[in-house]
Amino acid sequence: MIEKIINSLRKRLWENNNVIEVCKNEGEVYRTTCTFFDGVSKNQLQVFEEEMHVSLPEDYKQFLQLTNGCNLFIDADKKITGNLYSLEDVRETAYKSQSLYMTIGSVGEEEIIIDSKKSAHPAYIIVKKRNASFQDAHVLHMNFQKWLDCFIVSQGNCFWHWNRLSNKAHSTDKKTTAQ
């Protein structure tokens, strides 16, 4: 499925001269592109797992074999909405944190993290603000494949905040109605 997600995005780019128009929050339309890199080998993944004493989720390994990181939704000002790290960058962030949490990318001021203790389960993606503690992190109850698919479908928007935005709007509507 990861291959289908990546190839669909690549095809969309190819059909549109490497440009995709996306609608961001509040209806703004941007012209964006994406950058993909050469994938890693199974051997490189195995060495990483042995070195880090972790077992990467299968869907994430498939992603790394297709593209060793990528930049998603780069606008005309070269601002990158979604940055999924290379295996080397993941290694560096894991060493810095010295934990079982591996930062695999960033979206704006938020980090996308794999909880390697839960990587065998279907829900191991965590999101937290950069420099925030893990107590303030949000478990997204999804795997990498689902996260990547939702991120692309949402055109680079932080879909994991939509429920909170909806709840805020709903509570504001209730207050207005009560007055």
N, C-alpha and C. Protein backbone atom coordinates (compact mmCIF):
# COMPACT_ATOMS: atom_id res chain seq x y z
N MET A 1 0.82 -1.20 0.00
CA MET A 1 0.00 0.00 0.00
C MET A 1 0.87 1.27 0.00
N ILE A 2 1.99 1.25 0.71
CA ILE A 2 2.89 2.41 0.73
C ILE A 2 3.34 2.73 -0.69
N GLU A 3 3.67 1.71 -1.44
CA GLU A 3 4.11 1.92 -2.83
C GLU A 3 3.02 2.59 -3.65
N LYS A 4 1.79 2.19 -3.45
CA LYS A 4 0.67 2.80 -4.17
C LYS A 4 0.51 4.28 -3.79
N ILE A 5 0.64 4.59 -2.52
CA ILE A 5 0.50 5.97 -2.04
C ILE A 5 1.60 6.85 -2.67
N ILE A 6 2.84 6.41 -2.58
CA ILE A 6 3.97 7.19 -3.12
C ILE A 6 3.85 7.31 -4.64
N ASN A 7 3.57 6.20 -5.31
CA ASN A 7 3.47 6.24 -6.78
C ASN A 7 2.31 7.10 -7.26
N SER A 8 1.22 7.12 -6.53
CA SER A 8 0.08 7.98 -6.90
C SER A 8 0.47 9.45 -6.82
N LEU A 9 1.20 9.81 -5.77
CA LEU A 9 1.65 11.20 -5.62
C LEU A 9 2.66 11.55 -6.72
N ARG A 10 3.58 10.64 -6.98
CA ARG A 10 4.56 10.87 -8.06
C ARG A 10 3.86 11.04 -9.41
N LYS A 11 2.86 10.22 -9.67
CA LYS A 11 2.11 10.30 -10.94
C LYS A 11 1.39 11.64 -11.04
N ARG A 12 0.78 12.04 -9.96
CA ARG A 12 0.08 13.33 -9.93
C ARG A 12 1.04 14.47 -10.24
N LEU A 13 2.23 14.43 -9.68
CA LEU A 13 3.25 15.43 -9.95
C LEU A 13 3.67 15.38 -11.42
N TRP A 14 3.95 14.19 -11.93
CA TRP A 14 4.40 14.02 -13.30
C TRP A 14 3.36 14.55 -14.29
N GLU A 15 2.09 14.28 -14.03
CA GLU A 15 1.02 14.72 -14.93
C GLU A 15 0.83 16.23 -14.93
N ASN A 16 1.33 16.91 -13.91
CA ASN A 16 1.14 18.35 -13.77
C ASN A 16 2.45 19.12 -13.77
N ASN A 17 3.42 18.64 -14.55
CA ASN A 17 4.72 19.31 -14.66
C ASN A 17 5.37 19.57 -13.31
N ASN A 18 5.27 18.58 -12.42
CA ASN A 18 5.89 18.61 -11.10
C ASN A 18 5.31 19.68 -10.17
N VAL A 19 4.05 20.06 -10.40
CA VAL A 19 3.38 21.05 -9.55
C VAL A 19 2.00 20.52 -9.17
N ILE A 20 1.66 20.69 -7.91
CA ILE A 20 0.32 20.33 -7.42
C ILE A 20 -0.26 21.56 -6.74
N GLU A 21 -1.49 21.89 -7.07
CA GLU A 21 -2.17 22.96 -6.33
C GLU A 21 -2.89 22.32 -5.15
N VAL A 22 -2.66 22.90 -3.97
CA VAL A 22 -3.29 22.40 -2.76
C VAL A 22 -4.04 23.52 -2.06
N CYS A 23 -5.08 23.14 -1.38
CA CYS A 23 -5.88 24.09 -0.60
C CYS A 23 -5.49 23.91 0.86
N LYS A 24 -4.99 24.94 1.46
CA LYS A 24 -4.57 24.89 2.85
C LYS A 24 -5.72 25.38 3.75
N ASN A 25 -5.45 25.38 5.05
CA ASN A 25 -6.47 25.86 6.00
C ASN A 25 -6.95 27.24 5.60
N GLU A 26 -8.18 27.51 5.82
CA GLU A 26 -8.82 28.80 5.54
C GLU A 26 -8.89 29.11 4.04
N GLY A 27 -8.78 28.06 3.19
CA GLY A 27 -9.04 28.21 1.77
C GLY A 27 -7.93 28.77 0.90
N GLU A 28 -6.77 29.00 1.45
CA GLU A 28 -5.66 29.51 0.64
C GLU A 28 -5.19 28.42 -0.32
N VAL A 29 -4.92 28.78 -1.60
CA VAL A 29 -4.45 27.84 -2.59
C VAL A 29 -2.98 28.10 -2.86
N TYR A 30 -2.18 27.03 -2.83
CA TYR A 30 -0.75 27.12 -3.06
C TYR A 30 -0.35 26.16 -4.18
N ARG A 31 0.67 26.56 -4.93
CA ARG A 31 1.29 25.67 -5.90
C ARG A 31 2.49 25.04 -5.19
N THR A 32 2.53 23.71 -5.15
CA THR A 32 3.57 23.01 -4.43
C THR A 32 4.19 21.91 -5.29
N THR A 33 5.29 21.38 -4.79
CA THR A 33 5.93 20.22 -5.40
C THR A 33 6.42 19.31 -4.28
N CYS A 34 7.00 18.19 -4.64
CA CYS A 34 7.54 17.24 -3.66
C CYS A 34 8.88 16.73 -4.16
N THR A 35 9.75 16.35 -3.23
CA THR A 35 11.05 15.81 -3.58
C THR A 35 11.19 14.43 -2.93
N PHE A 36 11.57 13.46 -3.74
CA PHE A 36 11.81 12.10 -3.26
C PHE A 36 13.27 11.75 -3.46
N PHE A 37 13.79 10.82 -2.66
CA PHE A 37 15.19 10.42 -2.72
C PHE A 37 15.29 8.93 -3.01
N ASP A 38 16.47 8.49 -3.38
CA ASP A 38 16.69 7.06 -3.62
C ASP A 38 16.45 6.30 -2.33
N GLY A 39 15.81 5.14 -2.46
CA GLY A 39 15.51 4.31 -1.30
C GLY A 39 16.74 3.61 -0.74
N VAL A 40 16.58 3.04 0.44
CA VAL A 40 17.65 2.28 1.08
C VAL A 40 17.45 0.80 0.79
N SER A 41 18.50 0.03 1.01
CA SER A 41 18.43 -1.42 0.79
C SER A 41 17.92 -2.13 2.05
N LYS A 42 17.52 -3.37 1.87
CA LYS A 42 17.12 -4.18 3.03
C LYS A 42 18.29 -4.34 3.99
N ASN A 43 19.48 -4.45 3.45
CA ASN A 43 20.68 -4.58 4.28
C ASN A 43 20.88 -3.34 5.14
N GLN A 44 20.71 -2.15 4.55
CA GLN A 44 20.85 -0.90 5.32
C GLN A 44 19.82 -0.84 6.45
N LEU A 45 18.61 -1.30 6.18
CA LEU A 45 17.57 -1.33 7.21
C LEU A 45 17.95 -2.30 8.34
N GLN A 46 18.46 -3.45 7.95
CA GLN A 46 18.85 -4.45 8.94
C GLN A 46 19.98 -3.93 9.82
N VAL A 47 20.96 -3.29 9.21
CA VAL A 47 22.07 -2.71 9.98
C VAL A 47 21.54 -1.66 10.96
N PHE A 48 20.63 -0.80 10.50
CA PHE A 48 20.04 0.23 11.36
C PHE A 48 19.34 -0.42 12.55
N GLU A 49 18.50 -1.42 12.28
CA GLU A 49 17.75 -2.07 13.36
C GLU A 49 18.68 -2.73 14.38
N GLU A 50 19.73 -3.38 13.90
CA GLU A 50 20.68 -4.03 14.81
C GLU A 50 21.43 -2.99 15.63
N GLU A 51 21.87 -1.93 14.97
CA GLU A 51 22.62 -0.87 15.63
C GLU A 51 21.78 -0.15 16.68
N MET A 52 20.52 0.08 16.36
CA MET A 52 19.63 0.85 17.24
C MET A 52 18.85 -0.04 18.22
N HIS A 53 18.95 -1.35 18.05
CA HIS A 53 18.22 -2.31 18.90
C HIS A 53 16.72 -2.08 18.84
N VAL A 54 16.23 -1.86 17.62
CA VAL A 54 14.79 -1.66 17.40
C VAL A 54 14.35 -2.52 16.22
N SER A 55 13.07 -2.68 16.13
CA SER A 55 12.46 -3.34 14.98
C SER A 55 11.52 -2.32 14.35
N LEU A 56 11.88 -1.84 13.17
CA LEU A 56 11.05 -0.84 12.49
C LEU A 56 9.76 -1.48 11.97
N PRO A 57 8.67 -0.74 11.98
CA PRO A 57 7.43 -1.25 11.43
C PRO A 57 7.58 -1.54 9.93
N GLU A 58 6.91 -2.58 9.46
CA GLU A 58 7.03 -3.00 8.06
C GLU A 58 6.63 -1.89 7.08
N ASP A 59 5.55 -1.16 7.38
CA ASP A 59 5.11 -0.12 6.44
C ASP A 59 6.13 1.01 6.34
N TYR A 60 6.79 1.32 7.45
CA TYR A 60 7.81 2.36 7.43
C TYR A 60 9.05 1.87 6.67
N LYS A 61 9.41 0.60 6.83
CA LYS A 61 10.54 0.05 6.07
C LYS A 61 10.25 0.07 4.57
N GLN A 62 9.02 -0.22 4.19
CA GLN A 62 8.64 -0.16 2.78
C GLN A 62 8.82 1.26 2.24
N PHE A 63 8.41 2.24 3.03
CA PHE A 63 8.58 3.64 2.65
C PHE A 63 10.05 3.96 2.41
N LEU A 64 10.91 3.59 3.35
CA LEU A 64 12.34 3.90 3.24
C LEU A 64 12.98 3.20 2.05
N GLN A 65 12.47 2.04 1.68
CA GLN A 65 13.01 1.35 0.51
C GLN A 65 12.59 2.05 -0.79
N LEU A 66 11.45 2.71 -0.77
CA LEU A 66 10.99 3.46 -1.94
C LEU A 66 11.64 4.84 -2.02
N THR A 67 11.73 5.51 -0.89
CA THR A 67 12.32 6.84 -0.83
C THR A 67 12.91 7.04 0.56
N ASN A 68 14.19 7.29 0.61
CA ASN A 68 14.87 7.47 1.89
C ASN A 68 14.61 8.90 2.37
N GLY A 69 13.39 9.10 2.80
CA GLY A 69 12.93 10.43 3.20
C GLY A 69 12.35 11.16 2.01
N CYS A 70 11.65 12.24 2.28
CA CYS A 70 11.09 13.07 1.21
C CYS A 70 10.63 14.41 1.80
N ASN A 71 10.45 15.37 0.90
CA ASN A 71 9.90 16.67 1.28
C ASN A 71 8.57 16.79 0.57
N LEU A 72 7.52 16.99 1.33
CA LEU A 72 6.18 17.03 0.77
C LEU A 72 5.60 18.44 0.82
N PHE A 73 5.00 18.84 -0.27
CA PHE A 73 4.29 20.11 -0.38
C PHE A 73 5.22 21.31 -0.16
N ILE A 74 6.20 21.44 -1.03
CA ILE A 74 7.15 22.56 -1.00
C ILE A 74 6.53 23.70 -1.80
N ASP A 75 6.37 24.87 -1.20
CA ASP A 75 5.74 25.98 -1.92
C ASP A 75 6.76 26.79 -2.71
N ALA A 76 6.31 27.83 -3.39
CA ALA A 76 7.16 28.65 -4.25
C ALA A 76 8.30 29.32 -3.48
N ASP A 77 8.10 29.56 -2.19
CA ASP A 77 9.15 30.17 -1.36
C ASP A 77 10.09 29.13 -0.77
N LYS A 78 9.98 27.89 -1.24
CA LYS A 78 10.81 26.76 -0.78
C LYS A 78 10.50 26.35 0.65
N LYS A 79 9.34 26.73 1.14
CA LYS A 79 8.92 26.31 2.48
C LYS A 79 8.34 24.90 2.36
N ILE A 80 8.88 24.00 3.16
CA ILE A 80 8.46 22.60 3.14
C ILE A 80 7.41 22.37 4.22
N THR A 81 6.25 21.85 3.83
CA THR A 81 5.21 21.56 4.81
C THR A 81 5.54 20.29 5.58
N GLY A 82 5.86 19.22 4.87
CA GLY A 82 6.15 17.95 5.50
C GLY A 82 7.52 17.44 5.13
N ASN A 83 8.35 17.15 6.13
CA ASN A 83 9.69 16.66 5.90
C ASN A 83 9.81 15.30 6.57
N LEU A 84 9.90 14.25 5.76
CA LEU A 84 10.12 12.92 6.31
C LEU A 84 11.60 12.60 6.18
N TYR A 85 12.22 12.28 7.30
CA TYR A 85 13.66 12.19 7.39
C TYR A 85 14.24 10.95 6.71
N SER A 86 15.51 11.07 6.32
CA SER A 86 16.27 9.93 5.82
C SER A 86 16.61 9.02 7.00
N LEU A 87 17.01 7.81 6.71
CA LEU A 87 17.38 6.88 7.76
C LEU A 87 18.53 7.43 8.60
N GLU A 88 19.47 8.12 7.98
CA GLU A 88 20.59 8.72 8.70
C GLU A 88 20.10 9.81 9.67
N ASP A 89 19.13 10.63 9.22
CA ASP A 89 18.57 11.66 10.09
C ASP A 89 17.81 11.04 11.26
N VAL A 90 17.10 9.94 11.01
CA VAL A 90 16.38 9.24 12.08
C VAL A 90 17.39 8.71 13.09
N ARG A 91 18.50 8.17 12.61
CA ARG A 91 19.55 7.66 13.49
C ARG A 91 20.05 8.78 14.41
N GLU A 92 20.31 9.94 13.84
CA GLU A 92 20.80 11.07 14.63
C GLU A 92 19.80 11.52 15.68
N THR A 93 18.53 11.60 15.33
CA THR A 93 17.53 12.04 16.32
C THR A 93 17.35 10.99 17.40
N ALA A 94 17.43 9.72 17.04
CA ALA A 94 17.30 8.66 18.04
C ALA A 94 18.47 8.68 19.01
N TYR A 95 19.68 8.94 18.50
CA TYR A 95 20.83 9.05 19.38
C TYR A 95 20.70 10.22 20.32
N LYS A 96 20.20 11.34 19.83
CA LYS A 96 20.06 12.53 20.66
C LYS A 96 19.08 12.27 21.80
N SER A 97 17.96 11.63 21.49
CA SER A 97 16.95 11.42 22.52
C SER A 97 17.28 10.22 23.39
N GLN A 98 18.12 9.30 22.89
CA GLN A 98 18.49 8.09 23.61
C GLN A 98 17.27 7.41 24.22
N SER A 99 16.27 7.24 23.40
CA SER A 99 15.06 6.57 23.88
C SER A 99 14.53 5.66 22.79
N LEU A 100 13.43 5.09 23.05
CA LEU A 100 12.80 4.22 22.06
C LEU A 100 11.87 4.99 21.14
N TYR A 101 11.90 6.30 21.23
CA TYR A 101 11.12 7.14 20.34
C TYR A 101 12.02 7.61 19.20
N MET A 102 11.56 7.40 17.97
CA MET A 102 12.35 7.81 16.81
C MET A 102 11.60 8.89 16.06
N THR A 103 12.18 10.07 15.99
CA THR A 103 11.60 11.16 15.23
C THR A 103 11.86 10.89 13.76
N ILE A 104 10.79 10.70 12.99
CA ILE A 104 10.95 10.33 11.58
C ILE A 104 10.63 11.49 10.64
N GLY A 105 10.19 12.61 11.19
CA GLY A 105 9.89 13.74 10.34
C GLY A 105 9.32 14.90 11.12
N SER A 106 8.97 15.93 10.36
CA SER A 106 8.37 17.11 10.98
C SER A 106 7.35 17.73 10.04
N VAL A 107 6.36 18.34 10.66
CA VAL A 107 5.34 19.11 9.95
C VAL A 107 5.21 20.41 10.73
N GLY A 108 5.67 21.51 10.14
CA GLY A 108 5.67 22.77 10.86
C GLY A 108 6.49 22.65 12.13
N GLU A 109 5.89 22.98 13.24
CA GLU A 109 6.58 22.93 14.53
C GLU A 109 6.36 21.61 15.25
N GLU A 110 5.82 20.63 14.57
CA GLU A 110 5.54 19.35 15.21
C GLU A 110 6.44 18.24 14.66
N GLU A 111 6.77 17.30 15.52
CA GLU A 111 7.57 16.15 15.15
C GLU A 111 6.66 14.95 14.98
N ILE A 112 6.98 14.14 13.97
CA ILE A 112 6.27 12.88 13.74
C ILE A 112 7.19 11.80 14.30
N ILE A 113 6.66 10.98 15.19
CA ILE A 113 7.50 10.06 15.97
C ILE A 113 6.92 8.65 15.93
N ILE A 114 7.83 7.68 15.84
CA ILE A 114 7.45 6.28 15.99
C ILE A 114 7.79 5.86 17.41
N ASP A 115 6.80 5.29 18.10
CA ASP A 115 7.03 4.69 19.41
C ASP A 115 7.46 3.25 19.14
N SER A 116 8.76 2.98 19.18
CA SER A 116 9.27 1.66 18.79
C SER A 116 8.81 0.55 19.74
N LYS A 117 8.36 0.92 20.94
CA LYS A 117 7.82 -0.09 21.85
C LYS A 117 6.50 -0.63 21.32
N LYS A 118 5.82 0.17 20.49
CA LYS A 118 4.50 -0.22 19.98
C LYS A 118 4.53 -0.51 18.48
N SER A 119 5.72 -0.59 17.87
CA SER A 119 5.80 -0.70 16.42
C SER A 119 5.18 -1.98 15.87
N ALA A 120 4.96 -2.98 16.69
CA ALA A 120 4.30 -4.21 16.24
C ALA A 120 2.78 -4.06 16.28
N HIS A 121 2.29 -3.01 16.91
CA HIS A 121 0.86 -2.75 17.01
C HIS A 121 0.42 -1.83 15.87
N PRO A 122 -0.87 -1.75 15.59
CA PRO A 122 -1.33 -0.91 14.48
C PRO A 122 -1.38 0.59 14.78
N ALA A 123 -1.02 1.00 15.99
CA ALA A 123 -1.11 2.42 16.35
C ALA A 123 0.16 2.83 17.08
N TYR A 124 1.13 3.35 16.33
CA TYR A 124 2.41 3.68 16.95
C TYR A 124 2.91 5.08 16.60
N ILE A 125 2.14 5.87 15.87
CA ILE A 125 2.58 7.22 15.50
C ILE A 125 2.17 8.21 16.59
N ILE A 126 3.13 9.05 16.97
CA ILE A 126 2.93 10.09 17.98
C ILE A 126 3.30 11.43 17.34
N VAL A 127 2.60 12.47 17.74
CA VAL A 127 2.93 13.82 17.28
C VAL A 127 3.11 14.69 18.51
N LYS A 128 4.17 15.49 18.49
CA LYS A 128 4.36 16.44 19.59
C LYS A 128 5.05 17.68 19.07
N LYS A 129 4.83 18.78 19.75
CA LYS A 129 5.52 20.03 19.42
C LYS A 129 7.01 19.84 19.66
N ARG A 130 7.81 20.47 18.81
CA ARG A 130 9.26 20.42 18.97
C ARG A 130 9.61 20.96 20.36
N ASN A 131 10.49 20.33 21.05
CA ASN A 131 10.97 20.69 22.39
C ASN A 131 9.93 20.49 23.50
N ALA A 132 8.76 19.97 23.19
CA ALA A 132 7.77 19.67 24.23
C ALA A 132 8.09 18.31 24.84
N SER A 133 7.56 18.07 26.01
CA SER A 133 7.78 16.77 26.64
C SER A 133 6.82 15.74 26.04
N PHE A 134 7.14 14.48 26.27
CA PHE A 134 6.27 13.43 25.76
C PHE A 134 4.94 13.38 26.50
N GLN A 135 4.85 14.01 27.65
CA GLN A 135 3.57 14.09 28.37
C GLN A 135 2.57 14.90 27.57
N ASP A 136 3.06 15.82 26.73
CA ASP A 136 2.18 16.66 25.91
C ASP A 136 1.99 16.12 24.50
N ALA A 137 2.52 14.94 24.24
CA ALA A 137 2.41 14.34 22.90
C ALA A 137 1.01 13.77 22.69
N HIS A 138 0.65 13.63 21.41
CA HIS A 138 -0.65 13.06 21.03
C HIS A 138 -0.42 11.75 20.30
N VAL A 139 -1.00 10.68 20.83
CA VAL A 139 -0.97 9.39 20.13
C VAL A 139 -2.06 9.45 19.07
N LEU A 140 -1.68 9.22 17.82
CA LEU A 140 -2.64 9.38 16.73
C LEU A 140 -3.46 8.13 16.43
N HIS A 141 -3.17 7.04 17.10
CA HIS A 141 -3.92 5.79 16.90
C HIS A 141 -3.91 5.36 15.44
N MET A 142 -2.72 5.42 14.84
CA MET A 142 -2.57 4.98 13.46
C MET A 142 -1.13 4.56 13.22
N ASN A 143 -0.95 3.81 12.15
CA ASN A 143 0.40 3.43 11.74
C ASN A 143 0.92 4.44 10.72
N PHE A 144 2.14 4.22 10.25
CA PHE A 144 2.76 5.16 9.31
C PHE A 144 2.00 5.22 8.00
N GLN A 145 1.60 4.08 7.49
CA GLN A 145 0.87 4.03 6.22
C GLN A 145 -0.39 4.89 6.27
N LYS A 146 -1.15 4.75 7.33
CA LYS A 146 -2.39 5.52 7.48
C LYS A 146 -2.06 7.01 7.64
N TRP A 147 -1.02 7.32 8.43
CA TRP A 147 -0.64 8.72 8.61
C TRP A 147 -0.25 9.35 7.28
N LEU A 148 0.61 8.66 6.51
CA LEU A 148 1.07 9.19 5.23
C LEU A 148 -0.09 9.40 4.27
N ASP A 149 -0.97 8.43 4.19
CA ASP A 149 -2.13 8.54 3.31
C ASP A 149 -3.00 9.75 3.71
N CYS A 150 -3.29 9.88 4.99
CA CYS A 150 -4.12 11.00 5.46
C CYS A 150 -3.41 12.35 5.24
N PHE A 151 -2.10 12.38 5.43
CA PHE A 151 -1.36 13.63 5.24
C PHE A 151 -1.41 14.07 3.78
N ILE A 152 -1.28 13.13 2.87
CA ILE A 152 -1.35 13.46 1.44
C ILE A 152 -2.76 13.84 1.03
N VAL A 153 -3.75 13.09 1.48
CA VAL A 153 -5.14 13.41 1.15
C VAL A 153 -5.53 14.77 1.71
N SER A 154 -5.01 15.12 2.90
CA SER A 154 -5.31 16.42 3.50
C SER A 154 -4.46 17.54 2.91
N GLN A 155 -3.66 17.21 1.89
CA GLN A 155 -2.84 18.18 1.16
C GLN A 155 -1.83 18.90 2.04
N GLY A 156 -1.26 18.16 2.99
CA GLY A 156 -0.24 18.75 3.85
C GLY A 156 -0.78 19.48 5.05
N ASN A 157 -2.07 19.40 5.28
CA ASN A 157 -2.64 20.04 6.47
C ASN A 157 -2.51 19.10 7.67
N CYS A 158 -2.46 19.65 8.85
CA CYS A 158 -2.34 18.87 10.08
C CYS A 158 -3.70 18.30 10.45
N PHE A 159 -4.09 17.25 9.76
CA PHE A 159 -5.41 16.65 9.93
C PHE A 159 -5.68 16.19 11.35
N TRP A 160 -4.63 15.89 12.12
CA TRP A 160 -4.81 15.41 13.48
C TRP A 160 -5.35 16.49 14.42
N HIS A 161 -5.37 17.75 13.97
CA HIS A 161 -5.94 18.83 14.78
C HIS A 161 -7.38 19.14 14.40
N TRP A 162 -7.88 18.58 13.34
CA TRP A 162 -9.20 18.94 12.86
C TRP A 162 -10.30 18.69 13.87
N ASN A 163 -10.23 17.62 14.60
CA ASN A 163 -11.27 17.33 15.59
C ASN A 163 -11.29 18.40 16.68
N ARG A 164 -10.10 18.84 17.10
CA ARG A 164 -10.03 19.90 18.11
C ARG A 164 -10.58 21.21 17.56
N LEU A 165 -10.30 21.51 16.29
CA LEU A 165 -10.84 22.72 15.67
C LEU A 165 -12.35 22.64 15.58
N SER A 166 -12.85 21.47 15.23
CA SER A 166 -14.30 21.26 15.13
C SER A 166 -14.95 21.43 16.51
N ASN A 167 -14.31 20.88 17.53
CA ASN A 167 -14.85 20.99 18.89
C ASN A 167 -14.86 22.45 19.36
N LYS A 168 -13.81 23.22 19.02
CA LYS A 168 -13.77 24.64 19.38
C LYS A 168 -14.88 25.40 18.69
N ALA A 169 -15.07 25.13 17.41
CA ALA A 169 -16.12 25.82 16.65
C ALA A 169 -17.48 25.46 17.22
N HIS A 170 -17.65 24.20 17.56
CA HIS A 170 -18.93 23.74 18.11
C HIS A 170 -19.22 24.40 19.46
N SER A 171 -18.20 24.52 20.32
CA SER A 171 -18.42 25.14 21.64
C SER A 171 -18.68 26.64 21.47
N THR A 172 -18.06 27.28 20.48
CA THR A 172 -18.32 28.69 20.20
C THR A 172 -19.75 28.87 19.72
N ASP A 173 -20.22 27.96 18.87
CA ASP A 173 -21.61 28.02 18.39
C ASP A 173 -22.60 27.89 19.54
N LYS A 174 -22.30 27.01 20.49
CA LYS A 174 -23.18 26.82 21.64
C LYS A 174 -23.26 28.09 22.48
N LYS A 175 -22.09 28.75 22.69
CA LYS A 175 -22.06 29.98 23.49
C LYS A 175 -22.86 31.08 22.79
N THR A 176 -22.71 31.18 21.48
CA THR A 176 -23.42 32.22 20.72
C THR A 176 -24.93 31.98 20.78
N THR A 177 -25.33 30.71 20.67
CA THR A 177 -26.74 30.36 20.70
C THR A 177 -27.33 30.63 22.08
N ALA A 178 -26.56 30.37 23.14
CA ALA A 178 -27.03 30.56 24.49
C ALA A 178 -27.25 32.03 24.83
N GLN A 179 -26.53 32.92 24.17
CA GLN A 179 -26.65 34.34 24.47
C GLN A 179 -27.87 34.85 23.85
